[in-house]
């Protein structure tokens, strides 16, 4: 009986997630990264978001020139870049952010 419990404990602790591939990013996955940087500094640059996201991306999220089924063409941006732009644009349209052209960053609005 003791041998059975020892094997059970070792197996349960060593399994981890059983995911074969990293899932593709969505805008819902990107928003927490943007919000975290905004809460820390009140402003965010595109490169800061990309730098924090890339380690968690699937291969298809970071390929340049991949076929985009939505646009039906080959894109010159990565999928993650387009999604980050979409999230930032959504925040601007909702009045949460404004774009500062002189410093090339998105800044929280005052009210």
C-alpha atoms as a PDB file:
ATOM      1  CA  UNK A   1       0.000   0.000   0.000  1.00  0.00           C
ATOM      2  CA  UNK A   2       2.830   2.421   0.826  1.00  0.00           C
ATOM      3  CA  UNK A   3       4.429   1.858  -2.592  1.00  0.00           C
ATOM      4  CA  UNK A   4       1.137   2.693  -4.291  1.00  0.00           C
ATOM      5  CA  UNK A   5       0.801   6.032  -2.445  1.00  0.00           C
ATOM      6  CA  UNK A   6       4.379   7.064  -3.208  1.00  0.00           C
ATOM      7  CA  UNK A   7       3.884   6.470  -6.929  1.00  0.00           C
ATOM      8  CA  UNK A   8       0.567   8.361  -6.825  1.00  0.00           C
ATOM      9  CA  UNK A   9       2.135  11.402  -5.167  1.00  0.00           C
ATOM     10  CA  UNK A  10       5.013  11.518  -7.646  1.00  0.00           C
ATOM     11  CA  UNK A  11       2.729  11.120 -10.655  1.00  0.00           C
ATOM     12  CA  UNK A  12       0.207  13.768  -9.594  1.00  0.00           C
ATOM     13  CA  UNK A  13       2.855  16.382  -8.917  1.00  0.00           C
ATOM     14  CA  UNK A  14       4.714  15.791 -12.161  1.00  0.00           C
ATOM     15  CA  UNK A  15       1.942  15.849 -14.743  1.00  0.00           C
ATOM     16  CA  UNK A  16       1.287  19.562 -15.238  1.00  0.00           C
ATOM     17  CA  UNK A  17      -0.994  20.776 -17.991  1.00  0.00           C
ATOM     18  CA  UNK A  18      -1.737  18.296 -20.714  1.00  0.00           C
ATOM     19  CA  UNK A  19      -1.774  20.745 -23.638  1.00  0.00           C
ATOM     20  CA  UNK A  20      -0.066  19.769 -26.861  1.00  0.00           C
ATOM     21  CA  UNK A  21       0.164  23.273 -28.327  1.00  0.00           C
ATOM     22  CA  UNK A  22      -0.061  26.823 -27.081  1.00  0.00           C
ATOM     23  CA  UNK A  23      -3.485  28.202 -28.058  1.00  0.00           C
ATOM     24  CA  UNK A  24      -3.666  31.188 -30.410  1.00  0.00           C
ATOM     25  CA  UNK A  25      -3.995  34.587 -28.791  1.00  0.00           C
ATOM     26  CA  UNK A  26      -7.208  36.586 -28.770  1.00  0.00           C
ATOM     27  CA  UNK A  27      -7.862  40.178 -27.768  1.00  0.00           C
ATOM     28  CA  UNK A  28      -9.209  38.878 -24.448  1.00  0.00           C
ATOM     29  CA  UNK A  29      -5.786  37.356 -23.724  1.00  0.00           C
ATOM     30  CA  UNK A  30      -3.975  40.613 -24.524  1.00  0.00           C
ATOM     31  CA  UNK A  31      -6.066  43.047 -22.465  1.00  0.00           C
ATOM     32  CA  UNK A  32      -4.696  41.944 -19.043  1.00  0.00           C
ATOM     33  CA  UNK A  33      -1.125  42.592 -20.210  1.00  0.00           C
ATOM     34  CA  UNK A  34      -2.055  46.098 -21.356  1.00  0.00           C
ATOM     35  CA  UNK A  35      -3.973  46.857 -18.164  1.00  0.00           C
ATOM     36  CA  UNK A  36      -1.114  45.602 -15.952  1.00  0.00           C
ATOM     37  CA  UNK A  37       1.379  47.980 -17.571  1.00  0.00           C
ATOM     38  CA  UNK A  38      -1.132  50.850 -17.435  1.00  0.00           C
ATOM     39  CA  UNK A  39      -1.761  50.280 -13.734  1.00  0.00           C
ATOM     40  CA  UNK A  40       1.971  50.346 -13.076  1.00  0.00           C
ATOM     41  CA  UNK A  41       2.927  53.388 -15.166  1.00  0.00           C
ATOM     42  CA  UNK A  42      -0.204  55.044 -16.567  1.00  0.00           C
ATOM     43  CA  UNK A  43       1.166  54.733 -20.102  1.00  0.00           C
ATOM     44  CA  UNK A  44       2.209  51.944 -22.428  1.00  0.00           C
ATOM     45  CA  UNK A  45       4.244  51.491 -25.592  1.00  0.00           C
ATOM     46  CA  UNK A  46       3.481  48.882 -28.228  1.00  0.00           C
ATOM     47  CA  UNK A  47       6.921  47.272 -27.765  1.00  0.00           C
ATOM     48  CA  UNK A  48       6.340  46.809 -24.024  1.00  0.00           C
ATOM     49  CA  UNK A  49       3.173  44.850 -24.681  1.00  0.00           C
ATOM     50  CA  UNK A  50       4.797  42.731 -27.388  1.00  0.00           C
ATOM     51  CA  UNK A  51       7.806  41.995 -25.180  1.00  0.00           C
ATOM     52  CA  UNK A  52       5.594  40.731 -22.378  1.00  0.00           C
ATOM     53  CA  UNK A  53       3.385  38.656 -24.709  1.00  0.00           C
ATOM     54  CA  UNK A  54       5.885  36.899 -26.979  1.00  0.00           C
ATOM     55  CA  UNK A  55       7.012  34.240 -24.461  1.00  0.00           C
ATOM     56  CA  UNK A  56       3.374  33.100 -24.202  1.00  0.00           C
ATOM     57  CA  UNK A  57       2.569  33.068 -27.932  1.00  0.00           C
ATOM     58  CA  UNK A  58       2.019  30.169 -30.265  1.00  0.00           C
ATOM     59  CA  UNK A  59       4.285  29.918 -33.309  1.00  0.00           C
ATOM     60  CA  UNK A  60       1.515  31.149 -35.625  1.00  0.00           C
ATOM     61  CA  UNK A  61       1.062  34.295 -33.525  1.00  0.00           C
ATOM     62  CA  UNK A  62       4.595  35.532 -34.206  1.00  0.00           C
ATOM     63  CA  UNK A  63       5.124  34.566 -37.851  1.00  0.00           C
ATOM     64  CA  UNK A  64       5.518  37.429 -40.316  1.00  0.00           C
ATOM     65  CA  UNK A  65       4.029  36.927 -43.750  1.00  0.00           C
ATOM     66  CA  UNK A  66       1.633  34.194 -42.671  1.00  0.00           C
ATOM     67  CA  UNK A  67      -1.687  33.742 -44.458  1.00  0.00           C
ATOM     68  CA  UNK A  68      -4.487  35.608 -42.693  1.00  0.00           C
ATOM     69  CA  UNK A  69      -7.849  33.960 -43.341  1.00  0.00           C
ATOM     70  CA  UNK A  70      -9.726  37.085 -42.162  1.00  0.00           C
ATOM     71  CA  UNK A  71      -7.965  39.419 -44.610  1.00  0.00           C
ATOM     72  CA  UNK A  72      -7.469  36.692 -47.226  1.00  0.00           C
ATOM     73  CA  UNK A  73      -3.920  37.795 -47.892  1.00  0.00           C
ATOM     74  CA  UNK A  74      -0.381  37.501 -46.571  1.00  0.00           C
ATOM     75  CA  UNK A  75       0.240  40.090 -43.857  1.00  0.00           C
ATOM     76  CA  UNK A  76       3.362  42.124 -43.235  1.00  0.00           C
ATOM     77  CA  UNK A  77       2.684  42.135 -39.489  1.00  0.00           C
ATOM     78  CA  UNK A  78       2.535  39.329 -36.991  1.00  0.00           C
ATOM     79  CA  UNK A  79      -0.832  38.233 -35.681  1.00  0.00           C
ATOM     80  CA  UNK A  80       0.076  39.439 -32.182  1.00  0.00           C
ATOM     81  CA  UNK A  81       0.930  42.932 -33.505  1.00  0.00           C
ATOM     82  CA  UNK A  82      -2.456  43.206 -35.205  1.00  0.00           C
ATOM     83  CA  UNK A  83      -4.259  42.034 -32.064  1.00  0.00           C
ATOM     84  CA  UNK A  84      -2.389  44.514 -29.844  1.00  0.00           C
ATOM     85  CA  UNK A  85      -3.257  47.341 -32.257  1.00  0.00           C
ATOM     86  CA  UNK A  86      -6.888  46.232 -32.136  1.00  0.00           C
ATOM     87  CA  UNK A  87      -6.922  46.280 -28.316  1.00  0.00           C
ATOM     88  CA  UNK A  88      -5.255  49.708 -28.140  1.00  0.00           C
ATOM     89  CA  UNK A  89      -7.686  51.063 -30.736  1.00  0.00           C
ATOM     90  CA  UNK A  90     -10.596  49.679 -28.752  1.00  0.00           C
ATOM     91  CA  UNK A  91      -9.323  51.387 -25.580  1.00  0.00           C
ATOM     92  CA  UNK A  92      -8.932  54.681 -27.471  1.00  0.00           C
ATOM     93  CA  UNK A  93     -12.459  54.457 -28.913  1.00  0.00           C
ATOM     94  CA  UNK A  94     -13.849  53.797 -25.410  1.00  0.00           C
ATOM     95  CA  UNK A  95     -12.039  56.875 -24.066  1.00  0.00           C
ATOM     96  CA  UNK A  96      -9.747  54.913 -21.755  1.00  0.00           C
ATOM     97  CA  UNK A  97      -6.544  55.834 -23.612  1.00  0.00           C
ATOM     98  CA  UNK A  98      -5.239  58.572 -25.856  1.00  0.00           C
ATOM     99  CA  UNK A  99      -2.252  58.364 -28.178  1.00  0.00           C
ATOM    100  CA  UNK A 100       0.694  60.696 -27.489  1.00  0.00           C
ATOM    101  CA  UNK A 101       2.450  61.164 -30.844  1.00  0.00           C
ATOM    102  CA  UNK A 102       5.507  62.963 -29.487  1.00  0.00           C
ATOM    103  CA  UNK A 103       6.414  60.094 -27.140  1.00  0.00           C
ATOM    104  CA  UNK A 104       4.873  57.290 -29.255  1.00  0.00           C
ATOM    105  CA  UNK A 105       2.829  55.851 -26.378  1.00  0.00           C
ATOM    106  CA  UNK A 106      -0.728  55.329 -25.264  1.00  0.00           C
ATOM    107  CA  UNK A 107      -1.618  57.233 -22.082  1.00  0.00           C
ATOM    108  CA  UNK A 108      -4.524  56.836 -19.662  1.00  0.00           C
ATOM    109  CA  UNK A 109      -7.046  59.651 -19.988  1.00  0.00           C
ATOM    110  CA  UNK A 110      -7.678  61.872 -16.990  1.00  0.00           C
ATOM    111  CA  UNK A 111     -11.359  61.287 -16.517  1.00  0.00           C
END
